[in-house]
Amino acid sequence: MPRRYDHRRVLATTVDAWGRALWLICPDAELRPRSVGRPDPHPRTLPYDALLVTDDGGTIRERTLRGLDLRVVHLDALPNGRLVVQGYGGADDRNARIYGMDGRRRGSFAMGRAVEFLMADRRHHVWSAYFDEGVYADPISAPGLVRWDSGGNRLWGYTPEQGVEYIDTVYALNVDDGVAWANYYPTFPLIEVRTDGTVRLRSTPVAAPRGMAVHGDHVTMLGGDRQPDRLHLCRLTDTEALPVEEACLTLPNGAPLKGYAPPVGRGRHLYLHGSSPRQWYVLRA
């Protein structure tokens, strides 16, 4: 993110399905302390106007989103220049908004409580994954992994086969065109869900990975087993992910990778940033 923007006022950031970095900035945000970690930026008032900054291969573009009435915590780009955002503070349970190219709201819908991940692909599919506070308290969040169309209509929710544990919390999510991969607590299987209805479950050797990159018949998992900088390369069979190789991930300058925000998995690419949202890094599997 260019230096002219204040990273302390970034409400949400991601890398979208086209490989563009997005930052949603509230110029009037104030930092509020948390019980753990760094202070969070909060809009001083609702509604407010926010600035969407996009870095597309070094080309910086700006767009103003008008009349946001949520404290946005997740966002992603949709086809045709639209944007989906999710957050807190609305007047009812509709906690997701869709914005058009002109920066004005086009729709709203209830996405459920305790959203851990919100990701969209280039084919009008939106995936939301949840943690336990929503799974056990909200019927929308209860499946743990849900697919929507780009208008906010629910299309699918995860139901495990008999004998398979339900989702408690999704730890890692990877979304590519027409497919999502998720790893979840308590047993940390790898589920592959395609938009044609195919669902496949595989056992994995890694407990609690933070991120995943998937390419062909291989998956690379980041973190897990209380080793946040560990990379696990696994080969996929029909029923399991078999360990092939382990490595230690460092920053490009060789410095150790100490802490990072929840990574963004896009097919073979895994994007992550540290305590500052200004700089995204990419791992290509």
Protein backbone atom coordinates (compact mmCIF):
# COMPACT_ATOMS: atom_id res chain seq x y z
CA MET A 1 0.00 0.00 0.00
CA PRO A 2 1.48 3.36 -0.96
CA ARG A 3 2.86 5.44 1.91
CA ARG A 4 0.36 8.23 1.35
CA TYR A 5 -2.35 6.07 2.94
CA ASP A 6 -2.56 5.60 6.71
CA HIS A 7 -2.34 1.87 7.43
CA ARG A 8 -3.67 2.48 10.96
CA ARG A 9 -7.09 3.27 9.50
CA VAL A 10 -7.42 0.12 7.38
CA LEU A 11 -10.63 -1.63 8.40
CA ALA A 12 -10.12 -4.70 6.20
CA THR A 13 -7.72 -5.97 3.56
CA THR A 14 -7.42 -8.98 1.26
CA VAL A 15 -6.04 -10.20 -2.05
CA ASP A 16 -8.86 -10.95 -4.46
CA ALA A 17 -9.38 -13.71 -7.04
CA TRP A 18 -7.64 -11.59 -9.70
CA GLY A 19 -4.51 -11.18 -7.55
CA ARG A 20 -5.24 -7.56 -6.64
CA ALA A 21 -4.57 -6.26 -3.14
CA LEU A 22 -7.53 -4.42 -1.60
CA TRP A 23 -7.58 -2.09 1.41
CA LEU A 24 -10.71 -0.50 2.83
CA ILE A 25 -9.80 2.69 4.69
CA CYS A 26 -11.97 4.78 6.99
CA PRO A 27 -10.26 8.21 7.04
CA ASP A 28 -12.11 9.17 10.23
CA ALA A 29 -11.41 5.93 12.12
CA GLU A 30 -10.21 5.96 15.71
CA LEU A 31 -8.03 3.31 17.32
CA ARG A 32 -9.69 1.45 20.18
CA PRO A 33 -7.75 -0.84 22.53
CA ARG A 34 -8.37 -4.57 22.66
CA SER A 35 -7.85 -6.97 25.53
CA VAL A 36 -5.26 -8.79 23.38
CA GLY A 37 -3.17 -7.43 20.52
CA ARG A 38 -2.95 -4.06 18.86
CA PRO A 39 -5.76 -1.48 18.88
CA ASP A 40 -8.44 -1.84 16.19
CA PRO A 41 -9.64 0.99 13.93
CA HIS A 42 -13.33 1.79 14.41
CA PRO A 43 -15.45 4.30 12.49
CA ARG A 44 -16.34 7.18 14.79
CA THR A 45 -19.91 7.27 13.51
CA LEU A 46 -22.28 5.17 11.40
CA PRO A 47 -22.89 5.54 8.51
CA TYR A 48 -19.60 6.70 7.00
CA ASP A 49 -17.82 6.87 3.66
CA ALA A 50 -14.81 4.62 3.14
CA LEU A 51 -12.00 4.63 0.60
CA LEU A 52 -11.28 1.41 -1.31
CA VAL A 53 -7.67 1.30 -2.51
CA THR A 54 -6.73 -1.34 -5.09
CA ASP A 55 -3.21 -2.31 -6.18
CA ASP A 56 -3.42 -4.10 -9.53
CA GLY A 57 0.13 -5.02 -10.45
CA GLY A 58 1.43 -1.64 -9.30
CA THR A 59 -1.46 0.41 -10.68
CA ILE A 60 -3.25 2.12 -7.78
CA ARG A 61 -6.95 2.89 -8.04
CA GLU A 62 -9.35 4.51 -5.59
CA ARG A 63 -13.10 4.22 -5.12
CA THR A 64 -15.35 5.68 -2.44
CA LEU A 65 -17.99 3.47 -0.83
CA ARG A 66 -20.92 5.60 0.29
CA GLY A 67 -22.98 5.21 3.43
CA LEU A 68 -21.39 2.17 5.06
CA ASP A 69 -23.35 1.27 8.18
CA LEU A 70 -21.12 -1.59 9.39
CA ARG A 71 -17.71 -1.78 11.01
CA VAL A 72 -16.29 -3.80 8.15
CA VAL A 73 -13.95 -6.68 9.01
CA HIS A 74 -14.05 -8.70 5.75
CA LEU A 75 -14.24 -7.73 2.10
CA ASP A 76 -13.72 -9.23 -1.33
CA ALA A 77 -14.15 -8.31 -4.97
CA LEU A 78 -16.96 -9.73 -7.11
CA PRO A 79 -17.21 -9.86 -10.91
CA ASN A 80 -18.33 -6.73 -12.78
CA GLY A 81 -16.56 -4.39 -10.40
CA ARG A 82 -18.76 -5.12 -7.41
CA LEU A 83 -17.66 -5.64 -3.82
CA VAL A 84 -18.99 -7.67 -0.88
CA VAL A 85 -18.28 -6.58 2.69
CA GLN A 86 -19.19 -8.08 6.08
CA GLY A 87 -19.05 -6.57 9.53
CA TYR A 88 -20.77 -5.51 12.72
CA GLY A 89 -23.05 -2.78 13.94
CA GLY A 90 -26.00 -2.89 11.55
CA ALA A 91 -29.57 -2.27 12.64
CA ASP A 92 -30.59 -5.91 12.09
CA ASP A 93 -29.06 -9.32 11.34
CA ARG A 94 -28.17 -8.38 7.76
CA ASN A 95 -24.44 -8.06 8.27
CA ALA A 96 -23.23 -8.23 4.64
CA ARG A 97 -23.46 -5.58 1.93
CA ILE A 98 -22.94 -5.60 -1.82
CA TYR A 99 -21.62 -2.44 -3.46
CA GLY A 100 -21.58 -1.55 -7.14
CA MET A 101 -18.88 -0.03 -9.29
CA ASP A 102 -20.28 3.41 -8.49
CA GLY A 103 -19.65 2.91 -4.76
CA ARG A 104 -23.31 2.71 -3.82
CA ARG A 105 -25.06 -0.12 -2.04
CA ARG A 106 -26.80 -2.67 -4.26
CA GLY A 107 -28.03 -5.11 -1.63
CA SER A 108 -27.69 -6.56 1.86
CA PHE A 109 -28.14 -9.99 3.42
CA ALA A 110 -27.59 -11.95 6.63
CA MET A 111 -24.33 -13.92 6.43
CA GLY A 112 -24.45 -15.21 10.00
CA ARG A 113 -22.40 -14.62 13.12
CA ALA A 114 -18.71 -15.29 13.74
CA VAL A 115 -17.41 -15.16 10.16
CA GLU A 116 -13.79 -16.34 10.11
CA PHE A 117 -13.28 -16.13 6.32
CA LEU A 118 -15.11 -14.42 3.47
CA MET A 119 -13.84 -15.19 -0.03
CA ALA A 120 -15.23 -14.95 -3.55
CA ASP A 121 -14.12 -16.40 -6.88
CA ARG A 122 -14.37 -15.09 -10.46
CA ARG A 123 -17.53 -17.12 -11.19
CA HIS A 124 -20.01 -15.36 -8.91
CA HIS A 125 -19.50 -17.72 -5.94
CA VAL A 126 -19.01 -16.40 -2.40
CA TRP A 127 -17.80 -18.64 0.45
CA SER A 128 -18.11 -17.90 4.16
CA ALA A 129 -16.46 -19.97 6.90
CA TYR A 130 -17.15 -19.67 10.61
CA PHE A 131 -15.77 -20.17 14.10
CA ASP A 132 -17.46 -21.78 17.08
CA GLU A 133 -19.31 -18.76 18.46
CA GLY A 134 -21.44 -18.72 15.33
CA VAL A 135 -21.60 -22.45 14.63
CA TYR A 136 -23.26 -23.14 17.97
CA ALA A 137 -25.47 -20.05 18.16
CA ASP A 138 -26.65 -19.05 14.67
CA PRO A 139 -28.52 -21.30 12.21
CA ILE A 140 -26.94 -19.49 9.26
CA SER A 141 -23.44 -20.14 10.59
CA ALA A 142 -24.19 -23.66 11.89
CA PRO A 143 -22.85 -25.59 8.85
CA GLY A 144 -19.42 -23.98 9.36
CA LEU A 145 -18.93 -23.51 5.61
CA VAL A 146 -21.55 -21.89 3.35
CA ARG A 147 -21.67 -20.93 -0.33
CA TRP A 148 -23.67 -17.99 -1.70
CA ASP A 149 -24.20 -16.52 -5.12
CA SER A 150 -22.86 -13.03 -5.77
CA GLY A 151 -26.29 -11.58 -4.98
CA GLY A 152 -26.29 -12.94 -1.43
CA ASN A 153 -28.55 -15.96 -1.98
CA ARG A 154 -27.55 -19.07 -0.02
CA LEU A 155 -26.80 -22.02 -2.30
CA TRP A 156 -25.14 -24.65 -0.10
CA GLY A 157 -24.07 -25.48 3.45
CA TYR A 158 -21.75 -28.23 4.65
CA THR A 159 -23.24 -31.39 6.12
CA PRO A 160 -20.69 -34.09 7.01
CA GLU A 161 -21.22 -37.73 6.18
CA GLN A 162 -22.25 -40.08 8.94
CA GLY A 163 -19.34 -40.73 11.31
CA VAL A 164 -17.53 -37.52 10.35
CA GLU A 165 -17.17 -34.68 12.85
CA TYR A 166 -19.11 -31.47 12.26
CA ILE A 167 -17.25 -28.21 11.79
CA ASP A 168 -16.47 -26.41 15.03
CA THR A 169 -14.08 -23.78 13.63
CA VAL A 170 -12.55 -23.43 10.17
CA TYR A 171 -8.81 -22.89 10.58
CA ALA A 172 -7.77 -22.53 6.93
CA LEU A 173 -9.63 -21.82 3.69
CA ASN A 174 -8.54 -21.81 0.06
CA VAL A 175 -10.87 -20.68 -2.73
CA ASP A 176 -10.33 -21.06 -6.47
CA ASP A 177 -12.81 -20.79 -9.32
CA GLY A 178 -15.60 -23.26 -8.60
CA VAL A 179 -13.93 -24.98 -5.62
CA ALA A 180 -13.16 -24.41 -1.94
CA TRP A 181 -10.77 -26.27 0.34
CA ALA A 182 -11.16 -26.08 4.12
CA ASN A 183 -9.46 -27.52 7.17
CA TYR A 184 -11.38 -27.50 10.42
CA TYR A 185 -11.35 -28.29 14.12
CA PRO A 186 -11.66 -30.75 15.86
CA THR A 187 -10.18 -33.47 13.63
CA PHE A 188 -8.60 -31.24 10.92
CA PRO A 189 -9.62 -33.12 7.79
CA LEU A 190 -9.20 -31.49 4.39
CA ILE A 191 -12.54 -31.03 2.65
CA GLU A 192 -12.76 -30.26 -1.05
CA VAL A 193 -16.10 -28.78 -2.12
CA ARG A 194 -16.91 -28.10 -5.76
CA THR A 195 -19.80 -26.04 -7.03
CA ASP A 196 -21.09 -29.03 -9.03
CA GLY A 197 -21.97 -30.69 -5.72
CA THR A 198 -18.88 -32.87 -5.33
CA VAL A 199 -17.58 -33.09 -1.76
CA ARG A 200 -14.44 -35.05 -0.88
CA LEU A 201 -12.91 -35.57 2.56
CA ARG A 202 -9.25 -36.43 3.18
CA SER A 203 -7.31 -37.05 6.37
CA THR A 204 -4.21 -34.91 6.89
CA PRO A 205 -1.02 -35.17 8.98
CA VAL A 206 -1.19 -31.51 10.11
CA ALA A 207 -3.23 -30.24 13.05
CA ALA A 208 -4.48 -26.64 12.98
CA PRO A 209 -2.83 -25.24 9.83
CA ARG A 210 -3.23 -21.49 9.31
CA GLY A 211 -3.26 -21.44 5.51
CA MET A 212 -3.18 -23.62 2.40
CA ALA A 213 -2.10 -23.48 -1.23
CA VAL A 214 -3.44 -26.16 -3.59
CA HIS A 215 -2.00 -27.06 -6.98
CA GLY A 216 -2.80 -30.22 -8.91
CA ASP A 217 -2.42 -33.23 -6.64
CA HIS A 218 -0.45 -31.37 -3.97
CA VAL A 219 -1.38 -29.14 -1.04
CA THR A 220 1.03 -26.95 0.91
CA MET A 221 -0.08 -26.18 4.46
CA LEU A 222 1.35 -23.34 6.52
CA GLY A 223 1.63 -23.60 10.28
CA GLY A 224 0.00 -26.25 12.37
CA ASP A 225 1.36 -28.33 15.22
CA ARG A 226 2.23 -25.05 17.02
CA GLN A 227 4.87 -24.19 14.41
CA PRO A 228 3.52 -21.10 12.60
CA ASP A 229 6.44 -20.82 10.16
CA ARG A 230 6.39 -24.49 9.10
CA LEU A 231 5.47 -25.48 5.54
CA HIS A 232 4.09 -28.97 4.96
CA LEU A 233 4.02 -30.22 1.37
CA CYS A 234 1.59 -33.12 0.96
CA ARG A 235 0.52 -35.28 -1.97
CA LEU A 236 -3.21 -35.81 -2.35
CA THR A 237 -4.74 -39.25 -2.82
CA ASP A 238 -8.45 -40.04 -2.92
CA THR A 239 -8.62 -40.35 0.87
CA GLU A 240 -5.66 -38.58 2.47
CA ALA A 241 -2.91 -35.98 2.22
CA LEU A 242 0.44 -37.76 2.47
CA PRO A 243 3.45 -35.82 3.83
CA VAL A 244 6.23 -35.31 1.30
CA GLU A 245 8.48 -32.55 2.62
CA GLU A 246 8.74 -29.91 5.34
CA ALA A 247 10.40 -26.51 5.21
CA CYS A 248 10.64 -23.30 7.21
CA LEU A 249 9.08 -20.19 5.66
CA THR A 250 10.95 -16.89 6.08
CA LEU A 251 10.41 -13.35 4.87
CA PRO A 252 12.01 -12.44 1.50
CA ASN A 253 15.04 -10.95 3.29
CA GLY A 254 15.60 -14.16 5.23
CA ALA A 255 14.19 -12.84 8.50
CA PRO A 256 12.11 -15.29 10.53
CA LEU A 257 8.36 -15.30 10.05
CA LYS A 258 7.11 -14.50 13.56
CA GLY A 259 3.47 -13.50 13.31
CA TYR A 260 0.93 -12.95 10.57
CA ALA A 261 -2.74 -12.29 9.98
CA PRO A 262 -4.98 -15.11 8.71
CA PRO A 263 -3.57 -15.98 5.27
CA VAL A 264 -5.57 -15.78 2.05
CA GLY A 265 -5.44 -18.96 -0.05
CA ARG A 266 -6.17 -18.61 -3.78
CA GLY A 267 -5.49 -21.87 -5.60
CA ARG A 268 -1.73 -22.30 -5.77
CA HIS A 269 -1.09 -18.89 -4.16
CA LEU A 270 -0.99 -18.16 -0.45
CA TYR A 271 -0.96 -14.49 0.56
CA LEU A 272 -0.07 -13.21 4.01
CA HIS A 273 0.90 -10.05 5.85
CA GLY A 274 2.35 -9.30 9.25
CA SER A 275 1.14 -6.95 11.97
CA SER A 276 0.86 -4.11 9.46
CA PRO A 277 -1.65 -4.52 6.61
CA ARG A 278 0.50 -2.35 4.35
CA GLN A 279 2.58 -5.15 2.76
CA TRP A 280 1.27 -8.46 1.36
CA TYR A 281 3.62 -11.37 0.59
CA VAL A 282 2.85 -14.28 -1.71
CA LEU A 283 3.91 -17.93 -1.66
CA ARG A 284 3.40 -19.86 -4.89
CA ALA A 285 3.04 -23.62 -4.56
